[in-house]
Amino acid sequence: MAKYAFFLGCIAPLRYPGIEKSTREVCDKLGIELVDLKDASCCPAPGVIRAFNKKTWLAAAARNLALAEKQGLPIVTICNGCYGSLFDAAHELKEDPELLAEVNKVLAEIGMEYKGTTVVRHFAEVLYNEIGVDAIKAKITNPLNYKVAAFYGCHFLKPSAIKDLDDPENPHILDDLVEATGAKSMPRQNKMLCCGAGGGLKAAFGDVSKKFTQTNLENMKASGAQFIIDVCPFCHLQFDGTQKDLGYNIPVLHLSQLIGLAMGMTAEELALSAHVTPVVL
């Protein structure tokens, strides 16, 4: 059985409990053991903290990496931002011993040390590369006939030179996972456009942020999609919480929730009522 330290991040447990619930249930049915990463903090958010002070960002990320290292487990995340932050930090610290030593001076102040060994993985990538599409199909008891817009987000595949998961401009991983449930991933224009929330844009330039979101929603609606499927609670929050003001009503599901539905979980079990944009199945 695959075993991972489960990094929840901030948004899923605080705003979308159904994402956490569905991830735990889906992983259990697929033979993935999730071990709670106790005392974890924010990843921290790469587009904000790293932009202001890189050393602070690295030290905070290294603390989370050290918690998993102490358990002897790789980390799995359900959020692109968390994945981007922890993956990038782990990569930089592994490649630069002097930087690792500097960060460990900071960690020593709280009695911690990071040796640089933690592997960071994304939930969707684990499903695709470790479990496999065919194995997921074999667990589907309630095939779905939805037309959906698969939304990759920015930090899942990029920087592609160090992640090397898929073609960053024309990917297929998420589409394949979506279609394993019976749903159809609808082609659309500007598929890889940012949701509008990342990099502090949502907080600093709200109007610009909404323009990104609106363009995405226009293209999704034009494709005939009935649902938006994401792999990031921050993208999830942006689409779910913003589209009503923009005049749209395309319900949002995290990939784990879509797979949960296809495995027979109910809307109540997935806490779909917690969404701003109602999820009507």
Protein backbone atom coordinates (compact mmCIF):
# COMPACT_ATOMS: atom_id res chain seq x y z
CA MET A 1 0.00 0.00 0.00
CA ALA A 2 1.29 3.47 -0.91
CA LYS A 3 1.71 5.66 2.16
CA TYR A 4 1.95 9.46 2.29
CA ALA A 5 2.03 12.31 4.75
CA PHE A 6 -1.18 14.19 3.92
CA PHE A 7 -0.63 17.94 3.53
CA LEU A 8 -4.05 19.57 3.70
CA GLY A 9 -3.10 23.20 3.16
CA CYS A 10 -5.33 26.03 4.34
CA ILE A 11 -8.35 26.40 2.05
CA ALA A 12 -9.65 22.83 1.83
CA PRO A 13 -10.10 22.16 5.57
CA LEU A 14 -11.36 25.69 6.29
CA ARG A 15 -13.67 26.28 3.31
CA TYR A 16 -14.30 23.01 1.48
CA PRO A 17 -14.46 20.03 3.87
CA GLY A 18 -15.84 17.89 1.05
CA ILE A 19 -12.49 18.03 -0.74
CA GLU A 20 -10.73 16.60 2.31
CA LYS A 21 -13.45 13.99 2.87
CA SER A 22 -13.52 12.82 -0.73
CA THR A 23 -9.71 12.66 -0.89
CA ARG A 24 -9.57 10.45 2.18
CA GLU A 25 -12.35 8.17 0.90
CA VAL A 26 -11.00 7.89 -2.63
CA CYS A 27 -7.47 7.18 -1.42
CA ASP A 28 -8.75 4.50 0.96
CA LYS A 29 -10.61 2.74 -1.87
CA LEU A 30 -7.52 2.91 -4.08
CA GLY A 31 -5.15 1.52 -1.47
CA ILE A 32 -3.40 4.78 -0.60
CA GLU A 33 -2.78 5.34 3.11
CA LEU A 34 -2.87 8.99 4.19
CA VAL A 35 -1.08 9.87 7.43
CA ASP A 36 -2.01 13.23 8.94
CA LEU A 37 0.90 15.67 8.99
CA LYS A 38 0.43 17.00 12.49
CA ASP A 39 1.45 20.57 13.34
CA ALA A 40 1.83 21.55 9.68
CA SER A 41 1.49 25.22 8.79
CA CYS A 42 0.64 27.10 5.58
CA CYS A 43 2.86 25.78 2.77
CA PRO A 44 3.53 28.93 2.64
CA ALA A 45 1.75 30.58 -0.30
CA PRO A 46 4.39 30.84 -3.05
CA GLY A 47 2.99 33.83 -4.92
CA VAL A 48 2.92 36.01 -1.83
CA ILE A 49 5.55 35.13 0.79
CA ARG A 50 8.24 34.05 -1.69
CA ALA A 51 7.78 37.34 -3.56
CA PHE A 52 8.52 39.36 -0.43
CA ASN A 53 11.18 37.29 1.33
CA LYS A 54 12.54 34.12 -0.21
CA LYS A 55 14.43 32.98 2.90
CA THR A 56 11.29 33.22 5.04
CA TRP A 57 9.39 31.23 2.44
CA LEU A 58 12.08 28.55 2.33
CA ALA A 59 12.30 28.25 6.11
CA ALA A 60 8.53 27.90 6.51
CA ALA A 61 8.34 25.35 3.71
CA ALA A 62 11.35 23.46 5.09
CA ARG A 63 9.60 23.16 8.45
CA ASN A 64 6.72 21.31 6.76
CA LEU A 65 9.14 19.18 4.78
CA ALA A 66 10.99 18.32 7.98
CA LEU A 67 7.76 17.13 9.64
CA ALA A 68 7.23 14.62 6.83
CA GLU A 69 10.91 13.68 6.83
CA LYS A 70 10.65 12.84 10.53
CA GLN A 71 7.82 10.43 9.69
CA GLY A 72 9.89 8.94 6.87
CA LEU A 73 7.14 9.66 4.35
CA PRO A 74 6.74 11.55 1.07
CA ILE A 75 4.18 14.36 1.09
CA VAL A 76 1.02 14.33 -1.00
CA THR A 77 -0.93 17.56 -1.53
CA ILE A 78 -4.40 18.29 -2.95
CA CYS A 79 -3.57 21.90 -3.84
CA ASN A 80 -1.51 23.30 -6.70
CA GLY A 81 -0.20 26.18 -4.60
CA CYS A 82 0.92 23.86 -1.80
CA TYR A 83 2.42 21.51 -4.37
CA GLY A 84 4.25 24.35 -6.10
CA SER A 85 5.59 25.80 -2.87
CA LEU A 86 6.71 22.56 -1.23
CA PHE A 87 8.02 20.97 -4.45
CA ASP A 88 10.01 24.06 -5.41
CA ALA A 89 11.43 24.47 -1.90
CA ALA A 90 12.40 20.80 -1.69
CA HIS A 91 14.09 21.05 -5.10
CA GLU A 92 16.06 24.19 -4.23
CA LEU A 93 17.20 22.86 -0.86
CA LYS A 94 18.26 19.53 -2.33
CA GLU A 95 20.25 21.21 -5.10
CA ASP A 96 21.96 23.84 -2.91
CA PRO A 97 23.70 22.55 0.27
CA GLU A 98 24.69 26.07 1.32
CA LEU A 99 21.09 27.23 1.13
CA LEU A 100 19.99 24.19 3.12
CA ALA A 101 22.54 25.03 5.80
CA GLU A 102 21.23 28.60 6.02
CA VAL A 103 17.65 27.40 6.38
CA ASN A 104 18.67 24.89 9.03
CA LYS A 105 20.12 27.72 11.11
CA VAL A 106 16.61 29.16 11.23
CA LEU A 107 15.02 25.79 11.97
CA ALA A 108 17.54 25.17 14.76
CA GLU A 109 15.95 28.04 16.68
CA ILE A 110 12.84 25.86 17.11
CA GLY A 111 14.75 22.61 17.56
CA MET A 112 14.24 21.29 14.04
CA GLU A 113 16.41 20.21 11.12
CA TYR A 114 15.68 19.34 7.50
CA LYS A 115 18.06 16.91 5.81
CA GLY A 116 16.71 17.49 2.31
CA THR A 117 15.14 14.10 1.64
CA THR A 118 11.37 14.71 1.43
CA VAL A 119 9.65 13.93 -1.86
CA VAL A 120 6.60 16.08 -2.69
CA ARG A 121 3.79 14.78 -4.91
CA HIS A 122 0.39 15.98 -6.06
CA PHE A 123 -2.76 13.91 -5.51
CA ALA A 124 -3.63 13.90 -9.23
CA GLU A 125 -0.13 12.89 -10.27
CA VAL A 126 -0.13 10.03 -7.74
CA LEU A 127 -3.45 8.79 -9.11
CA TYR A 128 -2.16 8.89 -12.67
CA ASN A 129 1.38 7.60 -12.21
CA GLU A 130 1.09 5.29 -9.22
CA ILE A 131 -2.48 3.95 -9.30
CA GLY A 132 -3.19 4.25 -13.03
CA VAL A 133 -6.28 5.09 -15.04
CA ASP A 134 -7.29 1.45 -15.56
CA ALA A 135 -7.18 0.70 -11.82
CA ILE A 136 -9.36 3.75 -11.14
CA LYS A 137 -11.84 2.64 -13.80
CA ALA A 138 -12.06 -0.74 -12.08
CA LYS A 139 -13.25 0.98 -8.88
CA ILE A 140 -16.01 3.02 -10.56
CA THR A 141 -19.48 1.86 -9.51
CA ASN A 142 -21.48 4.88 -10.66
CA PRO A 143 -20.20 5.95 -14.11
CA LEU A 144 -20.85 9.63 -14.79
CA ASN A 145 -22.11 11.13 -18.03
CA TYR A 146 -21.20 14.74 -17.30
CA LYS A 147 -19.56 17.14 -19.73
CA VAL A 148 -16.83 18.93 -17.79
CA ALA A 149 -14.13 21.56 -18.08
CA ALA A 150 -10.86 20.13 -16.75
CA PHE A 151 -8.89 22.94 -15.13
CA TYR A 152 -5.19 22.31 -14.56
CA GLY A 153 -4.17 25.60 -12.96
CA CYS A 154 -0.68 27.07 -12.95
CA HIS A 155 1.40 25.25 -10.33
CA PHE A 156 0.48 21.64 -11.07
CA LEU A 157 2.67 21.24 -14.17
CA LYS A 158 4.99 24.23 -13.93
CA PRO A 159 7.89 24.80 -13.68
CA SER A 160 7.84 21.94 -16.17
CA ALA A 161 11.64 21.66 -16.38
CA ILE A 162 11.84 20.26 -12.84
CA LYS A 163 8.41 18.58 -12.55
CA ASP A 164 8.36 16.89 -15.95
CA LEU A 165 4.84 15.50 -15.46
CA ASP A 166 3.20 16.28 -18.80
CA ASP A 167 3.28 18.70 -21.71
CA PRO A 168 2.69 22.00 -19.86
CA GLU A 169 0.88 23.60 -22.82
CA ASN A 170 -1.09 20.59 -24.05
CA PRO A 171 -1.46 18.22 -21.08
CA HIS A 172 -3.66 15.15 -20.80
CA ILE A 173 -3.21 13.78 -17.24
CA LEU A 174 -6.26 15.48 -15.74
CA ASP A 175 -8.39 14.83 -18.84
CA ASP A 176 -7.56 11.12 -18.64
CA LEU A 177 -8.41 10.97 -14.92
CA VAL A 178 -11.68 12.82 -15.51
CA GLU A 179 -12.68 10.44 -18.30
CA ALA A 180 -11.90 7.42 -16.12
CA THR A 181 -15.12 8.32 -14.26
CA GLY A 182 -17.19 8.20 -17.44
CA ALA A 183 -17.34 11.99 -17.75
CA LYS A 184 -16.22 13.74 -20.93
CA SER A 185 -13.53 16.44 -20.78
CA MET A 186 -14.63 19.12 -23.22
CA PRO A 187 -12.02 20.89 -25.39
CA ARG A 188 -11.98 24.68 -25.13
CA GLN A 189 -9.95 27.78 -25.94
CA ASN A 190 -7.18 29.02 -23.60
CA LYS A 191 -7.35 25.86 -21.53
CA MET A 192 -4.19 26.68 -19.60
CA LEU A 193 -5.16 30.24 -18.63
CA CYS A 194 -4.71 31.12 -14.92
CA CYS A 195 -7.91 31.13 -12.85
CA GLY A 196 -7.10 34.70 -11.80
CA ALA A 197 -6.38 34.10 -8.13
CA GLY A 198 -2.69 33.24 -8.09
CA GLY A 199 0.38 35.29 -7.32
CA GLY A 200 -1.45 37.75 -5.08
CA LEU A 201 -3.47 39.02 -8.06
CA LYS A 202 -6.80 38.38 -6.34
CA ALA A 203 -5.84 40.47 -3.32
CA ALA A 204 -4.00 43.29 -5.10
CA PHE A 205 -5.87 43.68 -8.38
CA GLY A 206 -9.36 42.27 -7.92
CA ASP A 207 -10.75 43.62 -11.20
CA VAL A 208 -7.92 42.10 -13.22
CA SER A 209 -8.34 38.84 -11.34
CA LYS A 210 -12.03 38.70 -12.27
CA LYS A 211 -11.22 39.29 -15.94
CA PHE A 212 -9.11 36.13 -15.98
CA THR A 213 -11.95 34.24 -14.30
CA GLN A 214 -14.54 35.62 -16.70
CA THR A 215 -12.51 34.62 -19.76
CA ASN A 216 -12.21 31.09 -18.39
CA LEU A 217 -15.93 30.91 -17.66
CA GLU A 218 -16.83 32.21 -21.13
CA ASN A 219 -14.70 29.50 -22.73
CA MET A 220 -16.05 26.81 -20.42
CA LYS A 221 -19.65 27.75 -21.15
CA ALA A 222 -18.94 27.82 -24.89
CA SER A 223 -17.52 24.28 -24.64
CA GLY A 224 -20.79 22.96 -23.22
CA ALA A 225 -19.29 22.02 -19.85
CA GLN A 226 -21.74 21.32 -17.02
CA PHE A 227 -19.09 21.30 -14.29
CA ILE A 228 -15.61 22.67 -13.65
CA ILE A 229 -13.15 20.04 -12.39
CA ASP A 230 -10.03 21.36 -10.66
CA VAL A 231 -7.10 19.99 -8.67
CA CYS A 232 -6.56 23.04 -6.45
CA PRO A 233 -8.74 24.47 -3.65
CA PHE A 234 -7.55 28.01 -4.44
CA CYS A 235 -8.69 27.71 -8.08
CA HIS A 236 -11.80 26.07 -6.63
CA LEU A 237 -12.47 29.06 -4.38
CA GLN A 238 -11.91 31.50 -7.23
CA PHE A 239 -14.39 29.86 -9.57
CA ASP A 240 -16.93 28.96 -6.90
CA GLY A 241 -16.92 32.32 -5.11
CA THR A 242 -16.53 34.68 -8.07
CA GLN A 243 -18.76 33.40 -10.86
CA LYS A 244 -22.09 34.47 -9.33
CA ASP A 245 -20.99 38.12 -9.54
CA LEU A 246 -20.05 37.50 -13.17
CA GLY A 247 -23.42 36.02 -14.09
CA TYR A 248 -22.38 32.36 -14.40
CA ASN A 249 -23.55 29.18 -12.73
CA ILE A 250 -21.15 26.35 -13.51
CA PRO A 251 -20.71 24.21 -10.37
CA VAL A 252 -17.16 23.39 -9.29
CA LEU A 253 -15.84 20.01 -8.17
CA HIS A 254 -12.37 19.00 -7.06
CA LEU A 255 -11.09 15.91 -8.90
CA SER A 256 -11.40 13.89 -5.70
CA GLN A 257 -15.10 14.83 -5.48
CA LEU A 258 -15.73 13.79 -9.08
CA ILE A 259 -14.06 10.44 -8.49
CA GLY A 260 -15.95 10.13 -5.19
CA LEU A 261 -19.25 10.56 -7.01
CA ALA A 262 -18.23 7.95 -9.56
CA MET A 263 -17.35 5.61 -6.69
CA GLY A 264 -20.87 5.98 -5.27
CA MET A 265 -20.45 8.71 -2.65
CA THR A 266 -23.42 11.02 -2.13
CA ALA A 267 -23.59 14.80 -2.39
CA GLU A 268 -24.05 14.92 1.40
CA GLU A 269 -20.94 12.82 1.99
CA LEU A 270 -18.97 15.17 -0.27
CA ALA A 271 -20.33 18.29 1.49
CA LEU A 272 -21.34 19.80 -1.85
CA SER A 273 -23.79 22.09 -0.04
CA ALA A 274 -20.75 24.00 1.30
CA HIS A 275 -20.19 25.47 -2.17
CA VAL A 276 -21.19 29.06 -2.98
CA THR A 277 -22.35 28.03 -6.45
CA PRO A 278 -24.87 25.21 -5.79
CA VAL A 279 -23.83 21.80 -7.08
CA VAL A 280 -26.93 20.18 -8.56
CA LEU A 281 -26.27 16.65 -9.75
